[in-house]
């Protein structure tokens, strides 16, 4: 079931990973961002949109990871956009003969048979440096960065003042860096600076995973994520409510992600010494 979080903006949250699907009302239909994550959930989403008398006129994938690039025929054949590099990454994946097996390796085992993969990652890449999503609804600014992975973008929906953040600004996940990048720390800090630059125009922040927050929570999450990343950079102790004993029930594994990032960055520093 979708819940309204701002004027013309609704969210459906998947229980397993708290994935947030965002639905934005336009003039002649709706924009669907990051629909997920099981076949049943996508079917229910399509049914709810149809019962409301709407149709899907556009889709958007914030980044080229399986749980943010799903689709189902029931949602229709509207154009589904991603950044140019995000769409390219998905094309490269699907060009591999064993792409389904590659994706399956990363699926949570409890839903592995329930994820619809036929239309996974079929995206129209936006021209490089596209400023706004091409659709007939409220202006949706494309804020591209590569903090979490290449081809990542947030959407700033200006009229309802909503920031759809993708896999950023979560209250349950620590910042997950792209450790394959030349400068993962710098990339992440640059993305947080980008969010800082638009924060005065945001009343609601919707992360890819976790709880929806207001303007004050947006500021707190930017500060919390920056403190985390700076601690990683400096090799300092991390005091973060998302890891350790203060982690939310069911999210204890985030501590393992944190430990892996610390170890990976330490190896990178040693290799470059």
Protein backbone atom coordinates (compact mmCIF):
# COMPACT_ATOMS: atom_id res chain seq x y z
CA UNK A 1 0.00 0.00 0.00
CA UNK A 2 1.26 3.45 -0.89
CA UNK A 3 1.48 6.25 1.67
CA UNK A 4 1.41 9.93 0.79
CA UNK A 5 4.52 11.78 1.98
CA UNK A 6 4.04 15.09 0.15
CA UNK A 7 1.54 16.68 -2.21
CA UNK A 8 1.38 14.38 -5.22
CA UNK A 9 4.11 12.05 -3.92
CA UNK A 10 3.50 8.56 -2.55
CA UNK A 11 5.83 5.85 -1.28
CA UNK A 12 5.51 2.08 -1.16
CA UNK A 13 8.01 0.36 1.12
CA UNK A 14 9.07 -3.24 0.66
CA UNK A 15 9.43 -4.94 4.07
CA UNK A 16 12.55 -7.02 3.41
CA UNK A 17 15.12 -4.27 2.77
CA UNK A 18 12.83 -1.27 3.34
CA UNK A 19 13.15 -0.41 -0.36
CA UNK A 20 11.19 2.72 -1.17
CA UNK A 21 9.29 2.91 -4.44
CA UNK A 22 8.33 6.52 -5.20
CA UNK A 23 5.29 7.53 -7.26
CA UNK A 24 4.97 11.16 -8.37
CA UNK A 25 1.77 12.59 -9.83
CA UNK A 26 2.10 14.34 -13.20
CA UNK A 27 -0.46 16.02 -15.43
CA UNK A 28 -1.40 12.92 -17.41
CA UNK A 29 -0.05 10.07 -15.29
CA UNK A 30 2.59 9.12 -12.77
CA UNK A 31 6.36 8.79 -12.60
CA UNK A 32 7.57 5.62 -10.85
CA UNK A 33 11.06 5.66 -9.32
CA UNK A 34 12.89 2.47 -8.31
CA UNK A 35 9.93 0.05 -8.25
CA UNK A 36 10.53 -3.06 -6.19
CA UNK A 37 11.24 -5.58 -5.20
CA UNK A 38 9.21 -8.78 -5.63
CA UNK A 39 6.82 -9.77 -8.41
CA UNK A 40 3.89 -9.61 -5.99
CA UNK A 41 4.85 -6.14 -4.77
CA UNK A 42 5.24 -4.80 -8.31
CA UNK A 43 1.90 -6.33 -9.27
CA UNK A 44 0.22 -4.72 -6.28
CA UNK A 45 1.85 -1.40 -7.17
CA UNK A 46 0.55 -1.58 -10.74
CA UNK A 47 -2.93 -2.51 -9.50
CA UNK A 48 -3.00 0.37 -7.03
CA UNK A 49 -1.96 2.86 -9.70
CA UNK A 50 -4.63 1.52 -12.04
CA UNK A 51 -7.36 1.60 -9.36
CA UNK A 52 -6.52 5.26 -8.73
CA UNK A 53 -7.37 5.97 -12.36
CA UNK A 54 -3.75 6.69 -13.29
CA UNK A 55 -1.26 5.26 -15.74
CA UNK A 56 2.53 5.16 -15.62
CA UNK A 57 3.96 7.72 -18.05
CA UNK A 58 7.63 7.50 -17.01
CA UNK A 59 10.01 5.49 -14.88
CA UNK A 60 13.39 6.31 -13.38
CA UNK A 61 16.16 4.14 -11.97
CA UNK A 62 18.38 6.01 -9.55
CA UNK A 63 21.29 3.63 -10.15
CA UNK A 64 22.23 0.34 -11.84
CA UNK A 65 21.78 -2.11 -8.98
CA UNK A 66 19.22 -4.90 -9.29
CA UNK A 67 16.84 -3.62 -6.60
CA UNK A 68 16.61 -0.19 -8.24
CA UNK A 69 16.23 -1.24 -11.87
CA UNK A 70 13.22 -3.58 -11.83
CA UNK A 71 10.06 -3.43 -13.92
CA UNK A 72 6.99 -5.51 -14.71
CA UNK A 73 4.78 -5.55 -17.85
CA UNK A 74 1.80 -4.62 -15.66
CA UNK A 75 3.41 -1.20 -15.15
CA UNK A 76 3.19 -0.53 -18.90
CA UNK A 77 5.69 0.39 -21.56
CA UNK A 78 6.41 4.00 -20.63
CA UNK A 79 10.02 5.15 -21.08
CA UNK A 80 12.24 4.16 -18.18
CA UNK A 81 15.15 6.50 -17.69
CA UNK A 82 18.50 6.30 -16.00
CA UNK A 83 21.73 8.26 -16.30
CA UNK A 84 23.80 7.58 -19.41
CA UNK A 85 26.40 5.61 -17.46
CA UNK A 86 23.75 3.82 -15.41
CA UNK A 87 21.95 2.65 -18.55
CA UNK A 88 25.27 1.64 -20.10
CA UNK A 89 26.16 -0.45 -17.04
CA UNK A 90 22.86 -2.27 -17.33
CA UNK A 91 23.33 -2.86 -21.06
CA UNK A 92 26.77 -4.30 -20.38
CA UNK A 93 25.32 -6.59 -17.71
CA UNK A 94 22.54 -7.88 -19.93
CA UNK A 95 25.01 -8.46 -22.77
CA UNK A 96 26.66 -11.21 -20.72
CA UNK A 97 25.38 -14.68 -21.49
CA UNK A 98 25.15 -15.47 -17.78
CA UNK A 99 23.72 -12.15 -16.61
CA UNK A 100 20.79 -13.77 -14.83
CA UNK A 101 23.17 -15.94 -12.83
CA UNK A 102 25.30 -12.91 -11.98
CA UNK A 103 22.27 -11.05 -10.62
CA UNK A 104 20.98 -14.13 -8.79
CA UNK A 105 24.23 -14.34 -6.80
CA UNK A 106 23.41 -11.03 -5.14
CA UNK A 107 19.74 -11.68 -4.36
CA UNK A 108 18.60 -12.30 -0.79
CA UNK A 109 17.90 -16.05 -0.75
CA UNK A 110 14.48 -15.65 0.84
CA UNK A 111 13.16 -13.79 -2.23
CA UNK A 112 15.45 -15.07 -4.98
CA UNK A 113 12.60 -16.84 -6.78
CA UNK A 114 10.28 -13.86 -6.43
CA UNK A 115 12.31 -11.17 -8.20
CA UNK A 116 11.11 -10.53 -11.79
CA UNK A 117 14.22 -10.26 -13.96
CA UNK A 118 12.89 -10.26 -17.54
CA UNK A 119 12.79 -6.44 -17.75
CA UNK A 120 15.58 -5.76 -15.27
CA UNK A 121 17.79 -2.86 -16.31
CA UNK A 122 16.16 -2.04 -19.64
CA UNK A 123 16.70 1.72 -19.46
CA UNK A 124 16.85 4.75 -21.72
CA UNK A 125 20.01 6.64 -20.90
CA UNK A 126 19.58 10.37 -20.48
CA UNK A 127 22.05 12.53 -22.41
CA UNK A 128 25.12 13.40 -20.35
CA UNK A 129 24.59 16.43 -18.08
CA UNK A 130 20.80 16.27 -18.45
CA UNK A 131 19.45 18.72 -15.89
CA UNK A 132 15.79 17.66 -15.73
CA UNK A 133 13.83 14.48 -16.26
CA UNK A 134 11.83 14.68 -19.53
CA UNK A 135 8.25 14.20 -18.40
CA UNK A 136 5.05 16.23 -18.03
CA UNK A 137 4.95 16.41 -14.25
CA UNK A 138 6.60 18.73 -11.71
CA UNK A 139 10.20 19.63 -12.49
CA UNK A 140 12.47 16.77 -11.42
CA UNK A 141 16.11 17.83 -11.34
CA UNK A 142 18.64 15.09 -12.02
CA UNK A 143 21.45 15.26 -9.45
CA UNK A 144 24.07 12.88 -10.79
CA UNK A 145 27.10 11.77 -8.77
CA UNK A 146 29.10 8.58 -8.29
CA UNK A 147 29.25 8.26 -4.52
CA UNK A 148 27.61 4.84 -4.25
CA UNK A 149 28.30 3.61 -7.77
CA UNK A 150 28.87 5.02 -11.27
CA UNK A 151 25.68 6.33 -12.82
CA UNK A 152 23.95 7.16 -9.55
CA UNK A 153 21.53 10.09 -9.46
CA UNK A 154 19.05 11.58 -7.04
CA UNK A 155 15.91 13.39 -8.16
CA UNK A 156 14.89 16.73 -6.68
CA UNK A 157 11.16 17.11 -7.40
CA UNK A 158 10.91 20.85 -7.03
CA UNK A 159 7.22 21.67 -6.64
CA UNK A 160 6.53 19.35 -3.68
CA UNK A 161 10.15 19.91 -2.50
CA UNK A 162 11.02 16.20 -2.34
CA UNK A 163 14.51 14.70 -2.65
CA UNK A 164 14.49 11.09 -3.90
CA UNK A 165 17.97 10.10 -2.79
CA UNK A 166 18.53 6.57 -4.12
CA UNK A 167 21.01 4.62 -1.99
CA UNK A 168 22.00 7.66 0.02
CA UNK A 169 20.87 9.45 3.20
CA UNK A 170 19.49 6.35 4.91
CA UNK A 171 18.69 5.99 8.58
CA UNK A 172 19.41 2.24 8.51
CA UNK A 173 22.38 1.94 6.12
CA UNK A 174 25.76 3.58 6.55
CA UNK A 175 27.24 5.21 3.45
CA UNK A 176 28.25 2.41 1.10
CA UNK A 177 31.20 3.62 -0.94
CA UNK A 178 32.16 2.62 -4.46
CA UNK A 179 35.46 1.04 -3.47
CA UNK A 180 36.34 0.40 -7.11
CA UNK A 181 36.57 4.16 -7.72
CA UNK A 182 39.85 6.05 -7.81
CA UNK A 183 38.69 8.28 -4.94
CA UNK A 184 35.70 6.74 -3.13
CA UNK A 185 36.00 9.09 -0.16
CA UNK A 186 36.18 12.19 -2.33
CA UNK A 187 33.29 11.00 -4.49
CA UNK A 188 31.07 10.49 -1.47
CA UNK A 189 31.93 13.83 0.12
CA UNK A 190 31.23 15.56 -3.20
CA UNK A 191 27.77 13.96 -3.34
CA UNK A 192 27.01 15.10 0.20
CA UNK A 193 28.10 18.63 -0.78
CA UNK A 194 25.69 18.39 -3.72
CA UNK A 195 22.85 17.50 -1.36
CA UNK A 196 23.89 20.32 0.94
CA UNK A 197 23.60 22.75 -1.97
CA UNK A 198 19.93 21.91 -2.55
CA UNK A 199 18.85 21.28 1.06
CA UNK A 200 17.08 24.63 1.44
CA UNK A 201 14.69 23.51 -1.30
CA UNK A 202 13.78 20.19 0.36
CA UNK A 203 10.98 19.43 2.81
CA UNK A 204 10.99 15.64 2.43
CA UNK A 205 13.86 13.21 1.83
CA UNK A 206 13.18 9.66 0.60
CA UNK A 207 16.14 7.27 0.82
CA UNK A 208 16.36 4.12 -1.23
CA UNK A 209 16.18 2.13 2.01
CA UNK A 210 14.81 3.26 5.35
CA UNK A 211 12.50 5.92 6.71
CA UNK A 212 11.23 9.03 4.99
CA UNK A 213 12.43 12.19 6.73
CA UNK A 214 11.66 15.88 6.90
CA UNK A 215 13.87 18.91 6.33
CA UNK A 216 15.56 18.72 9.73
CA UNK A 217 16.19 15.01 9.26
CA UNK A 218 17.78 15.70 5.87
CA UNK A 219 20.31 18.02 7.51
CA UNK A 220 20.98 15.48 10.25
CA UNK A 221 21.53 12.68 7.74
CA UNK A 222 23.93 14.73 5.64
CA UNK A 223 25.93 15.59 8.76
CA UNK A 224 25.85 11.99 10.03
CA UNK A 225 26.99 10.58 6.69
CA UNK A 226 29.74 13.16 6.35
CA UNK A 227 31.01 12.35 9.84
CA UNK A 228 31.03 8.66 8.96
CA UNK A 229 32.94 9.15 5.71
CA UNK A 230 35.46 11.51 7.31
CA UNK A 231 36.07 8.96 10.06
CA UNK A 232 36.76 6.32 7.41
CA UNK A 233 39.15 8.71 5.67
CA UNK A 234 41.02 9.51 8.86
CA UNK A 235 41.07 5.98 10.25
CA UNK A 236 39.20 7.22 13.31
CA UNK A 237 36.71 5.39 15.52
CA UNK A 238 33.19 5.59 14.12
CA UNK A 239 30.35 6.56 16.45
CA UNK A 240 27.25 5.87 14.37
CA UNK A 241 23.80 4.69 15.49
CA UNK A 242 23.47 2.43 12.44
CA UNK A 243 26.23 0.05 13.51
CA UNK A 244 27.09 -1.89 16.64
CA UNK A 245 24.67 -2.38 19.51
CA UNK A 246 22.58 0.65 18.50
CA UNK A 247 21.71 -0.78 15.07
CA UNK A 248 18.02 -1.30 14.42
CA UNK A 249 16.76 -4.88 14.84
CA UNK A 250 17.24 -6.79 11.61
CA UNK A 251 19.99 -4.45 10.43
CA UNK A 252 22.85 -5.84 12.50
CA UNK A 253 24.55 -6.96 9.27
CA UNK A 254 25.30 -3.31 8.47
CA UNK A 255 28.14 -3.59 10.98
CA UNK A 256 29.68 -6.23 8.72
CA UNK A 257 29.44 -3.81 5.78
CA UNK A 258 31.19 -1.19 7.87
CA UNK A 259 33.97 -3.57 8.90
CA UNK A 260 34.48 -4.63 5.27
CA UNK A 261 34.77 -0.99 4.17
CA UNK A 262 37.31 -0.22 6.88
CA UNK A 263 39.40 -3.23 5.88
CA UNK A 264 39.16 -2.49 2.15
CA UNK A 265 40.23 1.11 2.60
CA UNK A 266 43.11 0.06 4.83
CA UNK A 267 44.32 -2.36 2.15
CA UNK A 268 44.10 0.39 -0.46
CA UNK A 269 46.19 2.71 1.66
CA UNK A 270 48.77 -0.03 2.25
CA UNK A 271 48.92 -0.86 -1.44
CA UNK A 272 49.48 2.78 -2.33
CA UNK A 273 52.13 3.38 0.31
